[in-house]
């Protein structure tokens, strides 16, 4: 970016104005209250918490699959998208798409 382009970008992206003409007195009062409280108003405070327990070895219930098992054997969705790992399949899809255009 050139210097003048960067200055233009910063000047256009860093400002946000709200049209207050359509707002009634109650809405203006709410906006004033919210603006005074700031962005982080009402957010929970950071608190120290214990470190998560270390998992030494995953149990069979938590393991996602056996070693050497492909993701395509997991479910139909994985089988569908696993086909895109095959270059010949991808080329055939590309050819069909180009032919249809």
Protein backbone atom coordinates (compact mmCIF):
# COMPACT_ATOMS: atom_id res chain seq x y z
CA UNK A 1 0.00 0.00 0.00
CA UNK A 2 1.09 3.52 -0.70
CA UNK A 3 1.04 6.04 2.13
CA UNK A 4 -2.00 7.92 0.81
CA UNK A 5 -3.91 4.66 0.30
CA UNK A 6 -3.12 3.57 3.85
CA UNK A 7 -4.25 6.93 5.23
CA UNK A 8 -7.51 6.69 3.28
CA UNK A 9 -8.09 3.14 4.51
CA UNK A 10 -7.54 4.08 8.14
CA UNK A 11 -9.74 7.17 7.88
CA UNK A 12 -12.65 5.26 6.33
CA UNK A 13 -12.50 2.16 8.50
CA UNK A 14 -11.82 3.62 11.93
CA UNK A 15 -14.97 5.71 12.23
CA UNK A 16 -18.52 4.64 12.80
CA UNK A 17 -21.29 7.17 13.18
CA UNK A 18 -24.90 6.64 14.09
CA UNK A 19 -27.71 8.78 12.77
CA UNK A 20 -29.38 10.09 15.92
CA UNK A 21 -32.08 12.09 14.14
CA UNK A 22 -34.52 9.15 14.07
CA UNK A 23 -34.12 8.34 17.77
CA UNK A 24 -36.44 9.52 20.51
CA UNK A 25 -35.29 10.84 23.90
CA UNK A 26 -35.46 7.41 25.55
CA UNK A 27 -33.25 5.83 22.86
CA UNK A 28 -30.74 8.67 23.13
CA UNK A 29 -30.61 8.21 26.93
CA UNK A 30 -29.94 4.48 26.51
CA UNK A 31 -27.16 5.14 23.99
CA UNK A 32 -25.58 7.68 26.33
CA UNK A 33 -25.69 5.19 29.23
CA UNK A 34 -24.16 2.37 27.16
CA UNK A 35 -21.45 4.64 25.74
CA UNK A 36 -20.49 5.68 29.26
CA UNK A 37 -20.19 2.09 30.50
CA UNK A 38 -17.85 0.99 27.74
CA UNK A 39 -17.38 -2.13 25.64
CA UNK A 40 -16.51 -4.55 28.44
CA UNK A 41 -19.44 -3.65 30.71
CA UNK A 42 -21.13 -6.69 32.21
CA UNK A 43 -18.47 -9.18 31.17
CA UNK A 44 -17.29 -11.64 33.79
CA UNK A 45 -13.99 -10.90 35.48
CA UNK A 46 -11.00 -13.12 34.80
CA UNK A 47 -10.59 -15.67 37.54
CA UNK A 48 -7.85 -18.15 38.22
CA UNK A 49 -8.93 -21.72 37.68
CA UNK A 50 -7.26 -25.08 38.16
CA UNK A 51 -5.27 -26.53 35.28
CA UNK A 52 -7.09 -29.22 33.31
CA UNK A 53 -6.19 -32.77 34.27
CA UNK A 54 -3.58 -34.43 32.10
CA UNK A 55 -4.75 -37.39 30.03
CA UNK A 56 -1.98 -39.96 30.04
CA UNK A 57 -3.57 -42.47 27.69
CA UNK A 58 -6.96 -42.13 25.98
CA UNK A 59 -9.62 -44.65 26.89
CA UNK A 60 -11.35 -46.73 24.22
CA UNK A 61 -14.51 -44.64 24.59
CA UNK A 62 -12.63 -41.42 23.76
CA UNK A 63 -10.55 -42.71 20.86
CA UNK A 64 -11.79 -41.69 17.43
CA UNK A 65 -10.65 -44.73 15.54
CA UNK A 66 -8.20 -47.53 15.35
CA UNK A 67 -4.72 -47.10 13.92
CA UNK A 68 -4.75 -47.55 10.15
CA UNK A 69 -8.50 -47.04 9.89
CA UNK A 70 -9.46 -44.48 7.25
CA UNK A 71 -11.83 -41.63 7.99
CA UNK A 72 -14.10 -42.84 5.17
CA UNK A 73 -15.08 -45.83 7.29
CA UNK A 74 -16.32 -43.52 10.06
CA UNK A 75 -19.60 -42.34 8.50
CA UNK A 76 -21.32 -41.45 5.22
CA UNK A 77 -20.28 -37.79 5.36
CA UNK A 78 -16.59 -38.68 5.67
CA UNK A 79 -16.95 -41.24 2.89
CA UNK A 80 -18.45 -38.58 0.58
CA UNK A 81 -15.74 -35.99 1.19
CA UNK A 82 -12.97 -38.58 1.37
CA UNK A 83 -13.51 -39.15 -2.35
CA UNK A 84 -11.93 -35.74 -2.97
CA UNK A 85 -8.57 -37.18 -1.87
CA UNK A 86 -8.56 -39.11 -5.16
CA UNK A 87 -7.05 -36.97 -7.96
CA UNK A 88 -8.87 -38.91 -10.69
CA UNK A 89 -12.22 -38.20 -9.01
CA UNK A 90 -11.42 -34.49 -8.72
CA UNK A 91 -10.39 -34.32 -12.41
CA UNK A 92 -13.65 -36.00 -13.46
CA UNK A 93 -15.66 -33.49 -11.42
CA UNK A 94 -13.70 -30.61 -12.97
CA UNK A 95 -14.36 -31.95 -16.48
CA UNK A 96 -18.09 -32.29 -15.77
CA UNK A 97 -18.21 -28.74 -14.43
CA UNK A 98 -16.41 -27.29 -17.43
CA UNK A 99 -18.63 -29.30 -19.79
CA UNK A 100 -21.80 -27.98 -18.11
CA UNK A 101 -20.73 -24.34 -18.39
